[in-house]
Protein backbone atom coordinates (compact mmCIF):
# COMPACT_ATOMS: atom_id res chain seq x y z
CA MET A 1 114.97 66.46 93.86
CA ASN A 2 111.18 66.32 93.77
CA ALA A 3 108.51 68.80 94.83
CA ILE A 4 104.78 69.07 95.25
CA GLY A 5 103.33 71.73 92.96
CA LEU A 6 99.92 73.28 93.63
CA ASP A 7 98.17 75.62 91.19
CA LEU A 8 95.25 77.51 92.70
CA GLY A 9 92.61 78.92 90.36
CA GLY A 10 89.19 80.44 90.72
CA THR A 11 87.50 77.14 89.81
CA ASN A 12 90.07 74.37 90.17
CA LEU A 13 93.03 73.41 92.30
CA LYS A 14 95.60 71.45 90.32
CA GLY A 15 98.43 69.50 91.85
CA GLY A 16 101.16 67.02 91.17
CA ILE A 17 104.48 65.59 92.20
CA VAL A 18 107.16 67.04 89.92
CA SER A 19 110.74 65.89 89.41
CA GLU A 20 113.60 68.31 88.90
CA GLU A 21 113.62 67.15 85.26
CA GLY A 22 110.06 68.47 84.88
CA GLU A 23 108.26 65.12 84.87
CA VAL A 24 104.84 65.27 86.52
CA TYR A 25 103.58 62.32 88.58
CA ARG A 26 100.03 61.87 89.86
CA PHE A 27 98.57 65.02 88.31
CA THR A 28 95.21 65.86 89.89
CA ILE A 29 92.46 68.44 89.38
CA THR A 30 89.94 69.12 92.14
CA PRO A 31 87.57 72.00 92.99
CA SER A 32 89.43 74.89 94.60
CA GLY A 33 86.68 75.74 97.06
CA VAL A 34 86.75 79.45 96.27
CA PRO A 35 82.95 79.94 96.58
CA GLU A 36 83.16 78.56 100.14
CA GLY A 37 85.77 81.08 101.26
CA PRO A 38 89.46 81.19 102.21
CA GLU A 39 89.16 78.60 104.99
CA LYS A 40 87.96 76.02 102.48
CA ILE A 41 90.73 76.91 100.02
CA LEU A 42 93.29 76.46 102.78
CA GLU A 43 91.76 73.16 103.82
CA ASN A 44 91.96 71.92 100.21
CA LEU A 45 95.62 72.97 99.89
CA VAL A 46 96.48 71.04 103.03
CA THR A 47 94.42 68.00 102.05
CA LEU A 48 95.92 67.76 98.56
CA SER A 49 99.45 68.22 99.93
CA ARG A 50 98.85 65.41 102.42
CA ILE A 51 97.58 63.13 99.64
CA PHE A 52 100.66 63.79 97.50
CA LEU A 53 103.04 63.27 100.42
CA LYS A 54 101.41 59.90 101.04
CA LYS A 55 101.67 58.98 97.35
CA ALA A 56 105.32 60.08 97.27
CA GLY A 57 106.00 57.79 100.22
CA GLU A 58 104.33 54.88 98.45
CA MET A 59 106.45 55.59 95.36
CA GLY A 60 109.65 55.87 97.39
CA ILE A 61 110.07 59.54 96.40
CA SER A 62 111.38 62.15 98.82
CA ILE A 63 109.82 65.62 98.70
CA SER A 64 112.08 68.66 99.02
CA GLY A 65 109.33 71.26 99.37
CA ILE A 66 105.88 72.46 98.41
CA GLY A 67 105.35 75.20 95.81
CA VAL A 68 102.11 77.11 95.34
CA ALA A 69 101.05 79.20 92.35
CA THR A 70 98.18 81.55 93.20
CA PRO A 71 96.62 84.76 91.93
CA GLY A 72 97.84 87.76 93.89
CA ILE A 73 101.03 89.21 95.33
CA ILE A 74 103.08 87.02 97.68
CA ASP A 75 105.18 88.25 100.60
CA PRO A 76 107.28 85.35 102.00
CA SER A 77 107.91 87.33 105.19
CA PHE A 78 104.16 87.58 105.80
CA GLY A 79 103.67 84.03 104.59
CA GLY A 80 100.89 84.62 102.11
CA ILE A 81 98.87 87.01 99.96
CA THR A 82 99.27 90.75 100.53
CA GLY A 83 97.70 92.16 97.36
CA GLY A 84 95.68 91.33 94.28
CA ALA A 85 93.74 88.04 94.09
CA ASP A 86 90.52 89.98 93.47
CA ASN A 87 88.92 86.91 91.87
CA LEU A 88 89.41 84.94 95.11
CA PRO A 89 87.26 86.79 97.67
CA GLY A 90 88.82 86.79 101.14
CA TRP A 91 92.06 85.10 100.01
CA ARG A 92 94.06 88.32 100.32
CA GLY A 93 95.59 88.46 103.79
CA THR A 94 95.66 84.66 104.19
CA ALA A 95 99.01 83.37 105.51
CA PHE A 96 98.63 80.02 103.76
CA MET A 97 102.39 79.43 103.56
CA LYS A 98 102.65 79.43 107.35
CA THR A 99 99.76 76.97 107.60
CA LEU A 100 101.39 74.58 105.14
CA TYR A 101 104.68 74.77 107.03
CA GLN A 102 102.99 74.14 110.37
CA GLU A 103 101.29 71.08 108.88
CA PHE A 104 104.23 69.52 107.04
CA LYS A 105 107.48 71.12 108.28
CA LEU A 106 108.77 71.36 104.70
CA PRO A 107 110.14 74.38 102.83
CA ILE A 108 107.16 76.29 101.42
CA HIS A 109 107.47 78.48 98.33
CA ALA A 110 104.78 80.54 96.58
CA HIS A 111 104.42 83.09 93.80
CA ASN A 112 101.90 84.77 91.57
CA ASP A 113 100.35 82.15 89.27
CA VAL A 114 101.41 83.66 85.94
CA THR A 115 104.90 84.39 87.26
CA ALA A 116 105.20 80.75 88.30
CA ILE A 117 103.94 79.61 84.89
CA THR A 118 106.56 81.82 83.28
CA LEU A 119 109.27 80.17 85.37
CA GLY A 120 108.02 76.74 84.32
CA GLU A 121 108.02 77.67 80.62
CA LEU A 122 111.49 79.16 81.02
CA ARG A 123 112.87 76.06 82.69
CA TYR A 124 111.08 73.28 80.80
CA GLY A 125 108.88 74.71 78.04
CA ALA A 126 108.78 77.23 75.22
CA GLY A 127 111.28 79.58 76.89
CA LYS A 128 114.00 77.05 77.58
CA GLY A 129 117.43 78.57 76.93
CA LYS A 130 116.09 82.14 76.56
CA LYS A 131 117.01 85.12 78.76
CA ASN A 132 114.60 87.92 77.77
CA VAL A 133 111.05 86.66 77.66
CA ILE A 134 107.50 87.95 78.06
CA LEU A 135 104.68 85.51 78.81
CA ALA A 136 101.12 86.71 78.31
CA ALA A 137 98.43 84.44 79.72
CA PHE A 138 94.94 84.95 78.27
CA GLY A 139 92.02 83.67 80.32
CA THR A 140 89.45 85.23 82.63
CA GLY A 141 91.88 88.15 82.74
CA ILE A 142 95.33 88.71 81.26
CA GLY A 143 98.38 88.02 83.37
CA GLY A 144 102.00 88.56 82.55
CA GLY A 145 105.41 87.18 83.40
CA ILE A 146 108.55 89.15 82.59
CA VAL A 147 112.05 87.72 82.40
CA ILE A 148 114.98 90.14 82.02
CA ASP A 149 118.52 88.78 81.61
CA GLY A 150 117.33 85.38 82.82
CA LYS A 151 115.69 86.68 86.00
CA LEU A 152 112.03 87.07 86.87
CA TYR A 153 111.03 90.71 87.19
CA GLY A 154 108.50 91.57 89.88
CA GLY A 155 108.85 95.32 90.17
CA HIS A 156 109.34 97.46 93.27
CA THR A 157 106.36 96.08 95.24
CA GLY A 158 105.62 92.85 93.38
CA TYR A 159 103.07 94.22 90.94
CA GLY A 160 105.32 93.97 87.90
CA GLY A 161 103.62 91.99 85.13
CA GLU A 162 100.09 93.40 85.44
CA ILE A 163 100.00 93.66 81.66
CA GLY A 164 96.25 93.13 81.44
CA HIS A 165 95.75 96.62 82.86
CA MET A 166 97.72 98.34 80.13
CA ALA A 167 95.27 100.78 78.54
CA ILE A 168 94.89 100.28 74.79
CA ARG A 169 91.78 102.47 74.28
CA ALA A 170 91.64 105.96 75.81
CA ASP A 171 87.83 105.95 75.56
CA GLY A 172 87.35 102.21 76.00
CA TYR A 173 85.29 100.03 78.29
CA ARG A 174 85.81 100.53 82.01
CA CYS A 175 87.64 97.58 83.55
CA SER A 176 86.78 96.07 86.94
CA CYS A 177 90.03 97.63 88.20
CA GLY A 178 88.60 101.09 87.49
CA ILE A 179 90.84 101.97 84.55
CA ARG A 180 89.17 102.67 81.21
CA GLY A 181 90.31 100.77 78.12
CA CYS A 182 92.35 97.99 79.76
CA TRP A 183 93.72 95.32 77.45
CA GLU A 184 91.77 92.77 79.50
CA GLU A 185 88.53 94.31 78.26
CA TYR A 186 89.47 93.41 74.68
CA ALA A 187 91.63 90.26 74.72
CA SER A 188 90.54 88.26 77.78
CA ILE A 189 87.61 85.82 77.66
CA ARG A 190 85.10 88.56 78.46
CA GLY A 191 86.64 90.85 75.85
CA ILE A 192 86.59 88.16 73.18
CA LEU A 193 82.98 87.26 73.96
CA ARG A 194 81.95 90.93 73.88
CA THR A 195 83.57 91.33 70.47
CA ALA A 196 81.89 88.17 69.23
CA ARG A 197 78.45 89.18 70.52
CA ASP A 198 78.75 92.61 68.92
CA HIS A 199 79.49 91.00 65.54
CA ILE A 200 76.74 88.40 65.89
CA ILE A 201 74.10 90.99 66.74
CA LYS A 202 75.25 93.43 64.05
CA ASP A 203 75.83 90.96 61.20
CA ASN A 204 72.87 88.65 61.94
CA LEU A 205 74.28 85.91 59.71
CA LYS A 206 71.88 83.11 60.61
CA GLU A 207 73.65 80.73 58.25
CA SER A 208 76.80 80.94 60.39
CA THR A 209 77.80 77.69 62.08
CA ILE A 210 78.15 79.69 65.29
CA TYR A 211 74.34 79.87 65.52
CA ILE A 212 74.07 76.11 65.15
CA LYS A 213 76.71 75.45 67.82
CA ILE A 214 75.08 77.80 70.33
CA ASN A 215 71.52 76.68 69.49
CA ASN A 216 70.64 80.29 68.63
CA LYS A 217 71.28 81.29 72.27
CA ILE A 218 73.96 83.97 72.65
CA GLU A 219 74.56 82.95 76.28
CA ASN A 220 75.93 79.60 75.01
CA LEU A 221 78.77 81.31 73.18
CA THR A 222 82.30 80.37 74.30
CA PRO A 223 85.78 81.04 72.89
CA LYS A 224 85.94 77.35 71.91
CA VAL A 225 82.79 77.67 69.81
CA LEU A 226 84.25 80.75 68.15
CA PHE A 227 87.64 79.25 67.32
CA ASP A 228 86.19 75.88 66.28
CA SER A 229 83.84 77.68 63.87
CA ALA A 230 86.72 79.71 62.45
CA ARG A 231 88.73 76.54 61.95
CA GLU A 232 85.83 75.18 59.93
CA GLY A 233 85.98 78.25 57.67
CA ASP A 234 82.88 80.02 58.96
CA ARG A 235 82.92 83.59 57.57
CA LEU A 236 81.51 85.32 60.65
CA ALA A 237 83.83 83.44 63.00
CA LEU A 238 86.85 84.32 60.86
CA GLN A 239 85.89 88.02 60.99
CA ILE A 240 85.62 87.89 64.78
CA VAL A 241 88.89 86.00 65.22
CA ASP A 242 90.59 88.56 62.98
CA GLU A 243 89.44 91.40 65.27
CA VAL A 244 90.42 89.40 68.36
CA GLY A 245 93.86 88.87 66.84
CA ASN A 246 94.26 92.58 66.26
CA ASN A 247 93.19 93.46 69.81
CA THR A 248 95.66 90.92 71.15
CA ALA A 249 98.43 92.15 68.87
CA ILE A 250 98.09 95.73 70.16
CA GLY A 251 99.08 94.68 73.67
CA ILE A 252 101.80 92.27 72.57
CA GLY A 253 103.16 94.96 70.25
CA ASN A 254 103.41 97.42 73.14
CA LEU A 255 105.29 94.85 75.21
CA ILE A 256 107.70 94.16 72.36
CA ASN A 257 108.34 97.88 71.92
CA ILE A 258 108.98 98.41 75.64
CA PHE A 259 110.99 95.31 76.56
CA ASN A 260 112.61 94.25 73.27
CA PRO A 261 112.30 90.53 74.20
CA GLU A 262 113.73 87.67 72.20
CA LEU A 263 110.58 85.64 72.83
CA VAL A 264 106.90 86.26 73.57
CA ILE A 265 105.02 83.23 74.88
CA VAL A 266 101.26 83.18 74.39
CA GLY A 267 99.63 81.10 77.13
CA GLY A 268 96.49 80.72 79.21
CA GLY A 269 93.20 79.03 78.43
CA ILE A 270 92.53 80.94 75.22
CA ALA A 271 95.92 79.89 73.82
CA LEU A 272 94.59 76.31 73.80
CA ALA A 273 92.85 77.39 70.57
CA GLY A 274 96.29 76.85 69.07
CA GLU A 275 97.65 78.02 65.75
CA ILE A 276 94.53 79.83 64.57
CA PHE A 277 94.81 82.18 67.56
CA LEU A 278 98.58 82.60 67.15
CA GLU A 279 98.31 83.32 63.43
CA SER A 280 95.61 85.94 64.01
CA ILE A 281 98.05 87.76 66.31
CA LYS A 282 100.97 87.49 63.90
CA LYS A 283 98.85 88.83 61.07
CA HIS A 284 98.45 92.18 62.83
CA ILE A 285 101.61 92.47 64.94
CA HIS A 286 103.44 94.57 62.31
CA LEU A 287 100.86 97.33 62.79
CA TRP A 288 101.85 97.83 66.44
CA THR A 289 105.59 97.26 66.66
CA LEU A 290 108.86 98.92 65.76
CA LYS A 291 110.38 96.86 62.97
CA ASP A 292 113.75 96.19 64.58
CA SER A 293 112.19 94.99 67.84
CA ARG A 294 109.58 92.96 65.96
CA ASP A 295 112.19 91.24 63.83
CA ALA A 296 114.12 90.27 66.96
CA ALA A 297 111.12 88.75 68.76
CA GLU A 298 109.65 85.33 68.15
CA ILE A 299 105.99 84.79 69.16
CA VAL A 300 105.12 81.22 70.15
CA LEU A 301 102.50 79.22 72.02
CA ALA A 302 103.18 77.97 75.54
CA LYS A 303 104.14 74.28 75.73
CA LEU A 304 103.24 73.07 79.22
CA GLY A 305 99.44 73.18 78.83
CA GLU A 306 97.20 72.56 81.83
CA LYS A 307 100.16 71.39 83.96
CA ALA A 308 102.02 74.70 83.55
CA GLY A 309 101.07 76.08 86.97
CA VAL A 310 101.97 72.85 88.76
CA VAL A 311 105.35 72.66 87.03
CA GLY A 312 105.97 76.36 87.67
CA ALA A 313 105.06 76.06 91.35
CA SER A 314 107.50 73.17 91.73
CA SER A 315 110.19 75.19 89.97
CA LEU A 316 109.97 77.71 92.80
CA VAL A 317 111.23 74.94 95.08
CA PHE A 318 113.97 73.84 92.70
CA GLU A 319 115.27 77.40 92.27
CA ASN A 320 114.66 78.45 95.89
CA ILE A 321 112.42 81.38 94.96
CA ASN A 322 109.99 83.04 97.41
CA ARG A 323 110.58 80.64 100.27
CA LEU A 324 108.65 81.20 103.48
CA ASN A 325 110.88 83.36 105.65
CA LEU A 326 111.34 81.01 108.62
CA GLU A 327 114.28 79.05 110.00
CA PHE A 328 114.05 75.37 109.10
């Protein structure tokens, strides 16, 4: 069995042909079209699907379905997004699954992007063979995937896994969602950069390699600059990464205390920093967890990298999850 997997993000649309063994053929990254509105996003989904179907034909590969990973809450009966997806203006309310079916007459499956990534990691990556898993994806925001007794947990109305909006500071920064002190405000990209800027302004260590990398312009600061500088032993960068690790550990600790998982997978763009990020979390995790739950939980980095969403979207097809509710 083979499927087309599409991973829709705020900047890029990723796609590929994926085998049931998890091998990805013809992986592609193209602009998602988000700034141009939902019609352009839909056009790009259709165009990329058509390209992959043609390539599959040339390769002699049959396609069993198309899977889509997207921000937001999916209702297969509606055929698209019914909630969330705030970073994709106008995408909510778009019945993209129906459009794809009308174009290709193939089974169409879709799910929240982080939930799909969790499924991919469970089937082919860091979570293989595990039954109770939490995946936390750190990027523009913080998304979560929850697996209980081997099954994805979505909650009563599909909002299960909104771990980024767990409040970790009662008097903290107000999040874009309206809640004060959300974890996202401390451990997402914007939270990490805020922490870094606060340190840079306060400490004013001009000899720091951070200043050299950003050409003394704070607007040039990125998580990569921060973690690269820490890897090189820069004192200021190490202080910032230590605080970032603690802020991240607070949320992961809460999840461990609540769900008692056997595995916590750390994913998303920030996790590409690798071991230095993971070790900063592990250094502080004991401060925020019950010992017995902590001792039972392993914390690891995600394995599937930039192809995680594509593999996860295809896994929806393989496991017949969230299929468009039509007769085929």
